[in-house]
Structures are given as structure tokens and as C-alpha cells.
Amino acid sequence: MRIGLIGTVGHTGTVLDGITELEDTELTSVCKGHPNDDLSRIEGHAAFTPETNRYETWIDMLESERLDVVGICRPYHLNAEAVMGSAERGLHVICEKPIATELNDLNRIEKAVSSAGSG
């Protein structure tokens, strides 16, 4: 499995530790969850390798990488847009909770997942 990680907020260790425990699974890319995010903590994890690509934005990462799963660990109010963008591309998502802070965003996420056929 090819996994991308968006951001450093919350339970990133759950995603990263899982990568090191599974066969045929790699952290192919990471990106900042917001402009001032610091990826150094992620870069120090065993799942981060010299082959792991770094991106400034999640949009750049999703447009450039061929992923199977996206881990989303952004500040809570920013999670929804990355979840929608990932679901619209047919990707499986592991998201820090809450997945959305507004009911409108939650409804949009549900539609994006249903349209992608992964819900």
C-alpha cells in the first residue's frame, strides 16, 4: 500500500507505526497540514525514508502521487477539505477526529465518499 500523510496534528503515530508494522506498505509522501506546519517530527519516524516525497500542500501531493490511503492529521477545522479532496480521488482516508466541524462539511464529505463508491 502506498500511503500519504497530510499534517502533523494529533495521532500521526497511529498511521506511521502501522506503516512500519505492515508488509508491502510504504509512506510515499508527506505534506504540511497548514503553511506553518513542521514536518521534522514526521521525518524522524522510521516510516519516513529517503524515498518519501515532501510537499508543501495536500493538493500538490494528491495531484502528484499515486496513493492507496491518505492519513489526514490537520488542525480540526481544516480536516474536511482534505477529506473531500481525497475522497473525490477515490482514496481511502484515515482522519483525525473530528472529520468535520460544520454539518455542511460533513454532508459534503458524505456525498464525496458516496460518489467515489467507497462509502
PDB file of N, CA and C in Angstrom:
ATOM      1  N   MET A   1       0.842  -1.180   0.000  1.00  0.00           N
ATOM      2  CA  MET A   1       0.000   0.000   0.000  1.00  0.00           C
ATOM      3  C   MET A   1       0.880   1.233   0.000  1.00  0.00           C
ATOM      4  N   ARG A   2       0.420   2.195  -0.728  1.00  0.00           N
ATOM      5  CA  ARG A   2       1.118   3.475  -0.805  1.00  0.00           C
ATOM      6  C   ARG A   2       0.320   4.486   0.020  1.00  0.00           C
ATOM      7  N   ILE A   3       0.957   5.030   1.055  1.00  0.00           N
ATOM      8  CA  ILE A   3       0.275   5.909   1.990  1.00  0.00           C
ATOM      9  C   ILE A   3       0.888   7.298   1.960  1.00  0.00           C
ATOM     10  N   GLY A   4       0.006   8.305   1.962  1.00  0.00           N
ATOM     11  CA  GLY A   4       0.417   9.695   2.089  1.00  0.00           C
ATOM     12  C   GLY A   4      -0.119  10.252   3.390  1.00  0.00           C
ATOM     13  N   LEU A   5       0.633  11.151   4.016  1.00  0.00           N
ATOM     14  CA  LEU A   5       0.220  11.751   5.280  1.00  0.00           C
ATOM     15  C   LEU A   5       0.137  13.259   5.126  1.00  0.00           C
ATOM     16  N   ILE A   6      -1.012  13.801   5.515  1.00  0.00           N
ATOM     17  CA  ILE A   6      -1.245  15.239   5.454  1.00  0.00           C
ATOM     18  C   ILE A   6      -1.239  15.780   6.875  1.00  0.00           C
ATOM     19  N   GLY A   7      -0.213  16.518   7.242  1.00  0.00           N
ATOM     20  CA  GLY A   7      -0.171  17.203   8.523  1.00  0.00           C
ATOM     21  C   GLY A   7       0.463  16.437   9.658  1.00  0.00           C
ATOM     22  N   THR A   8       0.599  17.142  10.791  1.00  0.00           N
ATOM     23  CA  THR A   8       1.299  16.607  11.959  1.00  0.00           C
ATOM     24  C   THR A   8       0.492  16.729  13.247  1.00  0.00           C
ATOM     25  N   VAL A   9      -0.795  17.019  13.157  1.00  0.00           N
ATOM     26  CA  VAL A   9      -1.626  17.249  14.342  1.00  0.00           C
ATOM     27  C   VAL A   9      -2.260  15.935  14.803  1.00  0.00           C
ATOM     28  N   GLY A  10      -2.162  15.654  16.083  1.00  0.00           N
ATOM     29  CA  GLY A  10      -2.889  14.519  16.643  1.00  0.00           C
ATOM     30  C   GLY A  10      -2.137  13.210  16.593  1.00  0.00           C
ATOM     31  N   HIS A  11      -2.837  12.182  16.168  1.00  0.00           N
ATOM     32  CA  HIS A  11      -2.358  10.810  16.271  1.00  0.00           C
ATOM     33  C   HIS A  11      -1.585  10.335  15.036  1.00  0.00           C
ATOM     34  N   THR A  12      -0.604  11.089  14.633  1.00  0.00           N
ATOM     35  CA  THR A  12       0.190  10.685  13.465  1.00  0.00           C
ATOM     36  C   THR A  12       0.899   9.355  13.721  1.00  0.00           C
ATOM     37  N   GLY A  13       1.253   9.107  14.971  1.00  0.00           N
ATOM     38  CA  GLY A  13       1.937   7.860  15.304  1.00  0.00           C
ATOM     39  C   GLY A  13       1.122   6.630  14.963  1.00  0.00           C
ATOM     40  N   THR A  14      -0.193   6.741  15.045  1.00  0.00           N
ATOM     41  CA  THR A  14      -1.055   5.606  14.699  1.00  0.00           C
ATOM     42  C   THR A  14      -0.858   5.222  13.240  1.00  0.00           C
ATOM     43  N   VAL A  15      -0.811   6.210  12.373  1.00  0.00           N
ATOM     44  CA  VAL A  15      -0.600   5.959  10.942  1.00  0.00           C
ATOM     45  C   VAL A  15       0.834   5.486  10.700  1.00  0.00           C
ATOM     46  N   LEU A  16       1.800   6.213  11.238  1.00  0.00           N
ATOM     47  CA  LEU A  16       3.202   5.908  10.976  1.00  0.00           C
ATOM     48  C   LEU A  16       3.621   4.556  11.551  1.00  0.00           C
ATOM     49  N   ASP A  17       3.200   4.266  12.784  1.00  0.00           N
ATOM     50  CA  ASP A  17       3.556   2.979  13.380  1.00  0.00           C
ATOM     51  C   ASP A  17       2.953   1.822  12.595  1.00  0.00           C
ATOM     52  N   GLY A  18       1.735   2.012  12.101  1.00  0.00           N
ATOM     53  CA  GLY A  18       1.091   0.975  11.297  1.00  0.00           C
ATOM     54  C   GLY A  18       1.860   0.666  10.028  1.00  0.00           C
ATOM     55  N   ILE A  19       2.432   1.704   9.433  1.00  0.00           N
ATOM     56  CA  ILE A  19       3.205   1.510   8.200  1.00  0.00           C
ATOM     57  C   ILE A  19       4.405   0.610   8.458  1.00  0.00           C
ATOM     58  N   THR A  20       5.086   0.819   9.569  1.00  0.00           N
ATOM     59  CA  THR A  20       6.282   0.022   9.851  1.00  0.00           C
ATOM     60  C   THR A  20       5.938  -1.409  10.239  1.00  0.00           C
ATOM     61  N   GLU A  21       4.695  -1.661  10.643  1.00  0.00           N
ATOM     62  CA  GLU A  21       4.289  -2.999  11.064  1.00  0.00           C
ATOM     63  C   GLU A  21       3.695  -3.841   9.937  1.00  0.00           C
ATOM     64  N   LEU A  22       3.366  -3.224   8.817  1.00  0.00           N
ATOM     65  CA  LEU A  22       2.716  -3.941   7.722  1.00  0.00           C
ATOM     66  C   LEU A  22       3.692  -4.210   6.579  1.00  0.00           C
ATOM     67  N   GLU A  23       3.580  -5.382   5.995  1.00  0.00           N
ATOM     68  CA  GLU A  23       4.401  -5.700   4.828  1.00  0.00           C
ATOM     69  C   GLU A  23       3.852  -4.977   3.605  1.00  0.00           C
ATOM     70  N   ASP A  24       4.710  -4.709   2.667  1.00  0.00           N
ATOM     71  CA  ASP A  24       4.326  -4.083   1.402  1.00  0.00           C
ATOM     72  C   ASP A  24       3.558  -2.779   1.602  1.00  0.00           C
ATOM     73  N   THR A  25       3.940  -2.017   2.613  1.00  0.00           N
ATOM     74  CA  THR A  25       3.310  -0.739   2.909  1.00  0.00           C
ATOM     75  C   THR A  25       4.403   0.298   3.055  1.00  0.00           C
ATOM     76  N   GLU A  26       4.207   1.455   2.406  1.00  0.00           N
ATOM     77  CA  GLU A  26       5.232   2.492   2.490  1.00  0.00           C
ATOM     78  C   GLU A  26       4.608   3.872   2.601  1.00  0.00           C
ATOM     79  N   LEU A  27       5.309   4.746   3.313  1.00  0.00           N
ATOM     80  CA  LEU A  27       4.948   6.156   3.383  1.00  0.00           C
ATOM     81  C   LEU A  27       5.583   6.807   2.157  1.00  0.00           C
ATOM     82  N   THR A  28       4.774   7.005   1.130  1.00  0.00           N
ATOM     83  CA  THR A  28       5.332   7.527  -0.114  1.00  0.00           C
ATOM     84  C   THR A  28       5.460   9.041  -0.104  1.00  0.00           C
ATOM     85  N   SER A  29       4.621   9.712   0.727  1.00  0.00           N
ATOM     86  CA  SER A  29       4.656  11.176   0.707  1.00  0.00           C
ATOM     87  C   SER A  29       4.074  11.757   1.981  1.00  0.00           C
ATOM     88  N   VAL A  30       4.546  12.946   2.307  1.00  0.00           N
ATOM     89  CA  VAL A  30       4.029  13.729   3.430  1.00  0.00           C
ATOM     90  C   VAL A  30       3.883  15.173   2.961  1.00  0.00           C
ATOM     91  N   CYS A  31       2.976  15.876   3.598  1.00  0.00           N
ATOM     92  CA  CYS A  31       2.857  17.302   3.308  1.00  0.00           C
ATOM     93  C   CYS A  31       2.406  18.043   4.552  1.00  0.00           C
ATOM     94  N   LYS A  32       2.618  19.322   4.524  1.00  0.00           N
ATOM     95  CA  LYS A  32       2.196  20.169   5.623  1.00  0.00           C
ATOM     96  C   LYS A  32       0.677  20.183   5.714  1.00  0.00           C
ATOM     97  N   GLY A  33       0.178  20.247   6.935  1.00  0.00           N
ATOM     98  CA  GLY A  33      -1.251  20.341   7.152  1.00  0.00           C
ATOM     99  C   GLY A  33      -1.741  21.779   7.084  1.00  0.00           C
ATOM    100  N   HIS A  34      -0.825  22.712   7.205  1.00  0.00           N
ATOM    101  CA  HIS A  34      -1.082  24.151   7.104  1.00  0.00           C
ATOM    102  C   HIS A  34       0.270  24.809   6.816  1.00  0.00           C
ATOM    103  N   PRO A  35       0.293  26.043   6.357  1.00  0.00           N
ATOM    104  CA  PRO A  35       1.557  26.657   5.909  1.00  0.00           C
ATOM    105  C   PRO A  35       2.681  26.669   6.936  1.00  0.00           C
ATOM    106  N   ASN A  36       2.375  26.755   8.225  1.00  0.00           N
ATOM    107  CA  ASN A  36       3.430  26.815   9.244  1.00  0.00           C
ATOM    108  C   ASN A  36       3.724  25.464   9.894  1.00  0.00           C
ATOM    109  N   ASP A  37       3.208  24.410   9.332  1.00  0.00           N
ATOM    110  CA  ASP A  37       3.414  23.073   9.889  1.00  0.00           C
ATOM    111  C   ASP A  37       4.895  22.697   9.818  1.00  0.00           C
ATOM    112  N   ASP A  38       5.355  21.931  10.797  1.00  0.00           N
ATOM    113  CA  ASP A  38       6.748  21.491  10.868  1.00  0.00           C
ATOM    114  C   ASP A  38       6.791  19.973  10.702  1.00  0.00           C
ATOM    115  N   LEU A  39       7.345  19.523   9.593  1.00  0.00           N
ATOM    116  CA  LEU A  39       7.380  18.087   9.290  1.00  0.00           C
ATOM    117  C   LEU A  39       8.537  17.351   9.953  1.00  0.00           C
ATOM    118  N   SER A  40       9.363  18.033  10.728  1.00  0.00           N
ATOM    119  CA  SER A  40      10.562  17.389  11.274  1.00  0.00           C
ATOM    120  C   SER A  40      10.229  16.199  12.179  1.00  0.00           C
ATOM    121  N   ARG A  41       9.125  16.260  12.907  1.00  0.00           N
ATOM    122  CA  ARG A  41       8.746  15.134  13.770  1.00  0.00           C
ATOM    123  C   ARG A  41       8.413  13.904  12.930  1.00  0.00           C
ATOM    124  N   ILE A  42       7.769  14.120  11.794  1.00  0.00           N
ATOM    125  CA  ILE A  42       7.425  13.026  10.888  1.00  0.00           C
ATOM    126  C   ILE A  42       8.702  12.457  10.264  1.00  0.00           C
ATOM    127  N   GLU A  43       9.596  13.340   9.888  1.00  0.00           N
ATOM    128  CA  GLU A  43      10.830  12.915   9.228  1.00  0.00           C
ATOM    129  C   GLU A  43      11.715  12.081  10.140  1.00  0.00           C
ATOM    130  N   GLY A  44      11.518  12.179  11.445  1.00  0.00           N
ATOM    131  CA  GLY A  44      12.303  11.389  12.387  1.00  0.00           C
ATOM    132  C   GLY A  44      11.736  10.005  12.650  1.00  0.00           C
ATOM    133  N   HIS A  45      10.591   9.689  12.101  1.00  0.00           N
ATOM    134  CA  HIS A  45       9.953   8.383  12.326  1.00  0.00           C
ATOM    135  C   HIS A  45      10.532   7.353  11.357  1.00  0.00           C
ATOM    136  N   ALA A  46      10.558   6.100  11.783  1.00  0.00           N
ATOM    137  CA  ALA A  46      11.105   5.012  10.958  1.00  0.00           C
ATOM    138  C   ALA A  46      10.350   4.821   9.647  1.00  0.00           C
ATOM    139  N   ALA A  47       9.079   5.216   9.594  1.00  0.00           N
ATOM    140  CA  ALA A  47       8.303   5.069   8.349  1.00  0.00           C
ATOM    141  C   ALA A  47       8.770   6.042   7.273  1.00  0.00           C
ATOM    142  N   PHE A  48       9.378   7.155   7.680  1.00  0.00           N
ATOM    143  CA  PHE A  48       9.884   8.142   6.721  1.00  0.00           C
ATOM    144  C   PHE A  48      11.229   7.653   6.208  1.00  0.00           C
ATOM    145  N   THR A  49      11.327   7.507   4.892  1.00  0.00           N
ATOM    146  CA  THR A  49      12.561   7.006   4.281  1.00  0.00           C
ATOM    147  C   THR A  49      13.099   8.039   3.286  1.00  0.00           C
ATOM    148  N   PRO A  50      14.287   7.813   2.767  1.00  0.00           N
ATOM    149  CA  PRO A  50      14.810   8.726   1.742  1.00  0.00           C
ATOM    150  C   PRO A  50      13.916   8.797   0.497  1.00  0.00           C
ATOM    151  N   GLU A  51      13.087   7.779   0.288  1.00  0.00           N
ATOM    152  CA  GLU A  51      12.195   7.766  -0.875  1.00  0.00           C
ATOM    153  C   GLU A  51      10.875   8.507  -0.626  1.00  0.00           C
ATOM    154  N   THR A  52      10.602   8.884   0.611  1.00  0.00           N
ATOM    155  CA  THR A  52       9.366   9.603   0.943  1.00  0.00           C
ATOM    156  C   THR A  52       9.437  11.018   0.388  1.00  0.00           C
ATOM    157  N   ASN A  53       8.462  11.385  -0.421  1.00  0.00           N
ATOM    158  CA  ASN A  53       8.417  12.726  -1.022  1.00  0.00           C
ATOM    159  C   ASN A  53       7.758  13.718  -0.075  1.00  0.00           C
ATOM    160  N   ARG A  54       8.249  14.949  -0.098  1.00  0.00           N
ATOM    161  CA  ARG A  54       7.705  16.042   0.722  1.00  0.00           C
ATOM    162  C   ARG A  54       6.981  17.039  -0.163  1.00  0.00           C
ATOM    163  N   TYR A  55       5.860  17.546   0.323  1.00  0.00           N
ATOM    164  CA  TYR A  55       5.079  18.557  -0.394  1.00  0.00           C
ATOM    165  C   TYR A  55       4.677  19.667   0.560  1.00  0.00           C
ATOM    166  N   GLU A  56       4.470  20.827   0.002  1.00  0.00           N
ATOM    167  CA  GLU A  56       4.006  21.973   0.786  1.00  0.00           C
ATOM    168  C   GLU A  56       2.504  21.919   1.021  1.00  0.00           C
ATOM    169  N   THR A  57       1.741  21.404   0.040  1.00  0.00           N
ATOM    170  CA  THR A  57       0.284  21.383   0.172  1.00  0.00           C
ATOM    171  C   THR A  57      -0.262  20.002  -0.143  1.00  0.00           C
ATOM    172  N   TRP A  58      -1.421  19.713   0.443  1.00  0.00           N
ATOM    173  CA  TRP A  58      -2.062  18.418   0.190  1.00  0.00           C
ATOM    174  C   TRP A  58      -2.536  18.306  -1.250  1.00  0.00           C
ATOM    175  N   ILE A  59      -2.919  19.416  -1.848  1.00  0.00           N
ATOM    176  CA  ILE A  59      -3.365  19.387  -3.245  1.00  0.00           C
ATOM    177  C   ILE A  59      -2.204  18.953  -4.145  1.00  0.00           C
ATOM    178  N   ASP A  60      -1.033  19.544  -3.942  1.00  0.00           N
ATOM    179  CA  ASP A  60       0.143  19.146  -4.727  1.00  0.00           C
ATOM    180  C   ASP A  60       0.447  17.668  -4.541  1.00  0.00           C
ATOM    181  N   MET A  61       0.353  17.192  -3.309  1.00  0.00           N
ATOM    182  CA  MET A  61       0.646  15.789  -3.035  1.00  0.00           C
ATOM    183  C   MET A  61      -0.346  14.873  -3.746  1.00  0.00           C
ATOM    184  N   LEU A  62      -1.635  15.171  -3.622  1.00  0.00           N
ATOM    185  CA  LEU A  62      -2.640  14.300  -4.237  1.00  0.00           C
ATOM    186  C   LEU A  62      -2.593  14.339  -5.757  1.00  0.00           C
ATOM    187  N   GLU A  63      -2.189  15.460  -6.326  1.00  0.00           N
ATOM    188  CA  GLU A  63      -2.080  15.554  -7.784  1.00  0.00           C
ATOM    189  C   GLU A  63      -0.834  14.860  -8.321  1.00  0.00           C
ATOM    190  N   SER A  64       0.178  14.683  -7.463  1.00  0.00           N
ATOM    191  CA  SER A  64       1.455  14.136  -7.925  1.00  0.00           C
ATOM    192  C   SER A  64       1.677  12.669  -7.590  1.00  0.00           C
ATOM    193  N   GLU A  65       1.021  12.180  -6.571  1.00  0.00           N
ATOM    194  CA  GLU A  65       1.285  10.833  -6.072  1.00  0.00           C
ATOM    195  C   GLU A  65       0.187   9.851  -6.467  1.00  0.00           C
ATOM    196  N   ARG A  66       0.566   8.608  -6.590  1.00  0.00           N
ATOM    197  CA  ARG A  66      -0.378   7.503  -6.773  1.00  0.00           C
ATOM    198  C   ARG A  66      -0.494   6.813  -5.417  1.00  0.00           C
ATOM    199  N   LEU A  67      -1.584   7.109  -4.698  1.00  0.00           N
ATOM    200  CA  LEU A  67      -1.755   6.645  -3.325  1.00  0.00           C
ATOM    201  C   LEU A  67      -2.926   5.675  -3.208  1.00  0.00           C
ATOM    202  N   ASP A  68      -2.873   4.869  -2.157  1.00  0.00           N
ATOM    203  CA  ASP A  68      -3.986   3.988  -1.810  1.00  0.00           C
ATOM    204  C   ASP A  68      -4.749   4.531  -0.603  1.00  0.00           C
ATOM    205  N   VAL A  69      -4.008   5.111   0.338  1.00  0.00           N
ATOM    206  CA  VAL A  69      -4.580   5.599   1.593  1.00  0.00           C
ATOM    207  C   VAL A  69      -3.964   6.954   1.922  1.00  0.00           C
ATOM    208  N   VAL A  70      -4.794   7.835   2.473  1.00  0.00           N
ATOM    209  CA  VAL A  70      -4.314   9.137   2.936  1.00  0.00           C
ATOM    210  C   VAL A  70      -4.641   9.266   4.420  1.00  0.00           C
ATOM    211  N   GLY A  71      -3.634   9.592   5.224  1.00  0.00           N
ATOM    212  CA  GLY A  71      -3.837   9.922   6.629  1.00  0.00           C
ATOM    213  C   GLY A  71      -3.946  11.429   6.737  1.00  0.00           C
ATOM    214  N   ILE A  72      -5.003  11.918   7.383  1.00  0.00           N
ATOM    215  CA  ILE A  72      -5.227  13.365   7.480  1.00  0.00           C
ATOM    216  C   ILE A  72      -5.162  13.770   8.940  1.00  0.00           C
ATOM    217  N   CYS A  73      -4.149  14.564   9.264  1.00  0.00           N
ATOM    218  CA  CYS A  73      -3.876  14.993  10.641  1.00  0.00           C
ATOM    219  C   CYS A  73      -3.635  16.497  10.659  1.00  0.00           C
ATOM    220  N   ARG A  74      -4.668  17.226  10.335  1.00  0.00           N
ATOM    221  CA  ARG A  74      -4.591  18.689  10.263  1.00  0.00           C
ATOM    222  C   ARG A  74      -5.297  19.303  11.467  1.00  0.00           C
ATOM    223  N   PRO A  75      -5.140  20.605  11.672  1.00  0.00           N
ATOM    224  CA  PRO A  75      -5.988  21.255  12.669  1.00  0.00           C
ATOM    225  C   PRO A  75      -7.448  20.940  12.340  1.00  0.00           C
ATOM    226  N   TYR A  76      -8.240  20.670  13.341  1.00  0.00           N
ATOM    227  CA  TYR A  76      -9.575  20.109  13.152  1.00  0.00           C
ATOM    228  C   TYR A  76     -10.432  20.839  12.132  1.00  0.00           C
ATOM    229  N   HIS A  77     -10.421  22.139  12.157  1.00  0.00           N
ATOM    230  CA  HIS A  77     -11.278  22.889  11.233  1.00  0.00           C
ATOM    231  C   HIS A  77     -10.811  22.787   9.780  1.00  0.00           C
ATOM    232  N   LEU A  78      -9.648  22.206   9.535  1.00  0.00           N
ATOM    233  CA  LEU A  78      -9.125  22.055   8.170  1.00  0.00           C
ATOM    234  C   LEU A  78      -9.261  20.637   7.630  1.00  0.00           C
ATOM    235  N   ASN A  79      -9.654  19.695   8.463  1.00  0.00           N
ATOM    236  CA  ASN A  79      -9.726  18.293   8.035  1.00  0.00           C
ATOM    237  C   ASN A  79     -10.681  18.072   6.867  1.00  0.00           C
ATOM    238  N   ALA A  80     -11.849  18.686   6.918  1.00  0.00           N
ATOM    239  CA  ALA A  80     -12.912  18.383   5.951  1.00  0.00           C
ATOM    240  C   ALA A  80     -12.477  18.580   4.503  1.00  0.00           C
ATOM    241  N   GLU A  81     -11.793  19.665   4.203  1.00  0.00           N
ATOM    242  CA  GLU A  81     -11.445  19.911   2.803  1.00  0.00           C
ATOM    243  C   GLU A  81     -10.474  18.869   2.264  1.00  0.00           C
ATOM    244  N   ALA A  82      -9.535  18.409   3.086  1.00  0.00           N
ATOM    245  CA  ALA A  82      -8.601  17.367   2.639  1.00  0.00           C
ATOM    246  C   ALA A  82      -9.303  16.016   2.522  1.00  0.00           C
ATOM    247  N   VAL A  83     -10.256  15.753   3.409  1.00  0.00           N
ATOM    248  CA  VAL A  83     -11.033  14.514   3.310  1.00  0.00           C
ATOM    249  C   VAL A  83     -11.822  14.514   2.005  1.00  0.00           C
ATOM    250  N   MET A  84     -12.501  15.614   1.710  1.00  0.00           N
ATOM    251  CA  MET A  84     -13.282  15.701   0.473  1.00  0.00           C
ATOM    252  C   MET A  84     -12.385  15.542  -0.748  1.00  0.00           C
ATOM    253  N   GLY A  85     -11.256  16.228  -0.755  1.00  0.00           N
ATOM    254  CA  GLY A  85     -10.333  16.126  -1.888  1.00  0.00           C
ATOM    255  C   GLY A  85      -9.801  14.725  -2.083  1.00  0.00           C
ATOM    256  N   SER A  86      -9.552  14.024  -0.994  1.00  0.00           N
ATOM    257  CA  SER A  86      -9.068  12.645  -1.076  1.00  0.00           C
ATOM    258  C   SER A  86     -10.170  11.705  -1.548  1.00  0.00           C
ATOM    259  N   ALA A  87     -11.362  11.861  -0.976  1.00  0.00           N
ATOM    260  CA  ALA A  87     -12.496  11.003  -1.354  1.00  0.00           C
ATOM    261  C   ALA A  87     -12.868  11.203  -2.816  1.00  0.00           C
ATOM    262  N   GLU A  88     -12.818  12.430  -3.289  1.00  0.00           N
ATOM    263  CA  GLU A  88     -13.144  12.710  -4.693  1.00  0.00           C
ATOM    264  C   GLU A  88     -12.178  12.015  -5.642  1.00  0.00           C
ATOM    265  N   ARG A  89     -10.985  11.696  -5.162  1.00  0.00           N
ATOM    266  CA  ARG A  89      -9.995  10.980  -5.968  1.00  0.00           C
ATOM    267  C   ARG A  89     -10.081   9.466  -5.752  1.00  0.00           C
ATOM    268  N   GLY A  90     -11.075   9.030  -4.979  1.00  0.00           N
ATOM    269  CA  GLY A  90     -11.281   7.612  -4.743  1.00  0.00           C
ATOM    270  C   GLY A  90     -10.316   6.981  -3.756  1.00  0.00           C
ATOM    271  N   LEU A  91      -9.696   7.794  -2.916  1.00  0.00           N
ATOM    272  CA  LEU A  91      -8.718   7.283  -1.955  1.00  0.00           C
ATOM    273  C   LEU A  91      -9.386   6.901  -0.639  1.00  0.00           C
ATOM    274  N   HIS A  92      -8.827   5.908   0.012  1.00  0.00           N
ATOM    275  CA  HIS A  92      -9.258   5.562   1.359  1.00  0.00           C
ATOM    276  C   HIS A  92      -8.661   6.599   2.307  1.00  0.00           C
ATOM    277  N   VAL A  93      -9.403   6.939   3.355  1.00  0.00           N
ATOM    278  CA  VAL A  93      -8.997   8.011   4.260  1.00  0.00           C
ATOM    279  C   VAL A  93      -9.001   7.529   5.704  1.00  0.00           C
ATOM    280  N   ILE A  94      -7.927   7.876   6.401  1.00  0.00           N
ATOM    281  CA  ILE A  94      -7.856   7.764   7.854  1.00  0.00           C
ATOM    282  C   ILE A  94      -7.722   9.199   8.340  1.00  0.00           C
ATOM    283  N   CYS A  95      -8.688   9.670   9.131  1.00  0.00           N
ATOM    284  CA  CYS A  95      -8.692  11.086   9.506  1.00  0.00           C
ATOM    285  C   CYS A  95      -8.721  11.273  11.012  1.00  0.00           C
ATOM    286  N   GLU A  96      -7.953  12.237  11.436  1.00  0.00           N
ATOM    287  CA  GLU A  96      -8.019  12.695  12.820  1.00  0.00           C
ATOM    288  C   GLU A  96      -9.438  13.168  13.095  1.00  0.00           C
ATOM    289  N   LYS A  97      -9.944  12.940  14.285  1.00  0.00           N
ATOM    290  CA  LYS A  97     -11.285  13.414  14.602  1.00  0.00           C
ATOM    291  C   LYS A  97     -11.211  14.801  15.228  1.00  0.00           C
ATOM    292  N   PRO A  98     -12.166  15.587  14.985  1.00  0.00           N
ATOM    293  CA  PRO A  98     -13.351  15.359  14.170  1.00  0.00           C
ATOM    294  C   PRO A  98     -13.033  15.492  12.682  1.00  0.00           C
ATOM    295  N   ILE A  99     -13.740  14.729  11.897  1.00  0.00           N
ATOM    296  CA  ILE A  99     -13.574  14.754  10.445  1.00  0.00           C
ATOM    297  C   ILE A  99     -14.076  16.071   9.865  1.00  0.00           C
ATOM    298  N   ALA A 100     -15.037  16.692  10.546  1.00  0.00           N
ATOM    299  CA  ALA A 100     -15.591  17.984  10.128  1.00  0.00           C
ATOM    300  C   ALA A 100     -16.078  18.727  11.364  1.00  0.00           C
ATOM    301  N   THR A 101     -16.035  20.042  11.293  1.00  0.00           N
ATOM    302  CA  THR A 101     -16.518  20.865  12.408  1.00  0.00           C
ATOM    303  C   THR A 101     -17.817  21.584  12.061  1.00  0.00           C
ATOM    304  N   GLU A 102     -18.290  21.426  10.844  1.00  0.00           N
ATOM    305  CA  GLU A 102     -19.548  22.029  10.392  1.00  0.00           C
ATOM    306  C   GLU A 102     -20.403  20.939   9.752  1.00  0.00           C
ATOM    307  N   LEU A 103     -21.696  20.941  10.032  1.00  0.00           N
ATOM    308  CA  LEU A 103     -22.589  19.937   9.445  1.00  0.00           C
ATOM    309  C   LEU A 103     -22.605  19.994   7.924  1.00  0.00           C
ATOM    310  N   ASN A 104     -22.504  21.184   7.362  1.00  0.00           N
ATOM    311  CA  ASN A 104     -22.458  21.318   5.909  1.00  0.00           C
ATOM    312  C   ASN A 104     -21.259  20.559   5.332  1.00  0.00           C
ATOM    313  N   ASP A 105     -20.115  20.684   5.984  1.00  0.00           N
ATOM    314  CA  ASP A 105     -18.928  19.955   5.525  1.00  0.00           C
ATOM    315  C   ASP A 105     -19.113  18.447   5.663  1.00  0.00           C
ATOM    316  N   LEU A 106     -19.737  18.018   6.744  1.00  0.00           N
ATOM    317  CA  LEU A 106     -19.985  16.596   6.930  1.00  0.00           C
ATOM    318  C   LEU A 106     -20.887  16.046   5.825  1.00  0.00           C
ATOM    319  N   ASN A 107     -21.894  16.805   5.453  1.00  0.00           N
ATOM    320  CA  ASN A 107     -22.772  16.401   4.342  1.00  0.00           C
ATOM    321  C   ASN A 107     -22.008  16.330   3.032  1.00  0.00           C
ATOM    322  N   ARG A 108     -21.121  17.279   2.796  1.00  0.00           N
ATOM    323  CA  ARG A 108     -20.318  17.281   1.575  1.00  0.00           C
ATOM    324  C   ARG A 108     -19.361  16.093   1.544  1.00  0.00           C
ATOM    325  N   ILE A 109     -18.798  15.742   2.698  1.00  0.00           N
ATOM    326  CA  ILE A 109     -17.926  14.576   2.781  1.00  0.00           C
ATOM    327  C   ILE A 109     -18.710  13.310   2.443  1.00  0.00           C
ATOM    328  N   GLU A 110     -19.891  13.183   3.022  1.00  0.00           N
ATOM    329  CA  GLU A 110     -20.727  12.015   2.740  1.00  0.00           C
ATOM    330  C   GLU A 110     -21.012  11.887   1.257  1.00  0.00           C
ATOM    331  N   LYS A 111     -21.311  12.983   0.580  1.00  0.00           N
ATOM    332  CA  LYS A 111     -21.575  12.959  -0.860  1.00  0.00           C
ATOM    333  C   LYS A 111     -20.318  12.584  -1.641  1.00  0.00           C
ATOM    334  N   ALA A 112     -19.168  13.134  -1.240  1.00  0.00           N
ATOM    335  CA  ALA A 112     -17.913  12.834  -1.939  1.00  0.00           C
ATOM    336  C   ALA A 112     -17.570  11.354  -1.815  1.00  0.00           C
ATOM    337  N   VAL A 113     -17.755  10.785  -0.635  1.00  0.00           N
ATOM    338  CA  VAL A 113     -17.461   9.372  -0.425  1.00  0.00           C
ATOM    339  C   VAL A 113     -18.427   8.508  -1.213  1.00  0.00           C
ATOM    340  N   SER A 114     -19.709   8.852  -1.173  1.00  0.00           N
ATOM    341  CA  SER A 114     -20.720   8.084  -1.928  1.00  0.00           C
ATOM    342  C   SER A 114     -20.464   8.147  -3.432  1.00  0.00           C
ATOM    343  N   SER A 115     -20.113   9.314  -3.928  1.00  0.00           N
ATOM    344  CA  SER A 115     -19.847   9.475  -5.370  1.00  0.00           C
ATOM    345  C   SER A 115     -18.628   8.683  -5.810  1.00  0.00           C
ATOM    346  N   ALA A 116     -17.649   8.558  -4.913  1.00  0.00           N
ATOM    347  CA  ALA A 116     -16.424   7.828  -5.255  1.00  0.00           C
ATOM    348  C   ALA A 116     -16.636   6.321  -5.174  1.00  0.00           C
ATOM    349  N   GLY A 117     -17.752   5.892  -4.588  1.00  0.00           N
ATOM    350  CA  GLY A 117     -18.033   4.471  -4.482  1.00  0.00           C
ATOM    351  C   GLY A 117     -17.299   3.801  -3.342  1.00  0.00           C
ATOM    352  N   SER A 118     -16.721   4.596  -2.442  1.00  0.00           N
ATOM    353  CA  SER A 118     -16.004   3.986  -1.322  1.00  0.00           C
ATOM    354  C   SER A 118     -16.807   4.082  -0.027  1.00  0.00           C
ATOM    355  N   GLY A 119     -18.091   4.425  -0.105  1.00  0.00           N
ATOM    356  CA  GLY A 119     -18.894   4.546   1.119  1.00  0.00           C
ATOM    357  C   GLY A 119     -19.936   3.601   1.132  1.00  0.00           C
TER     358      GLY A 119
END
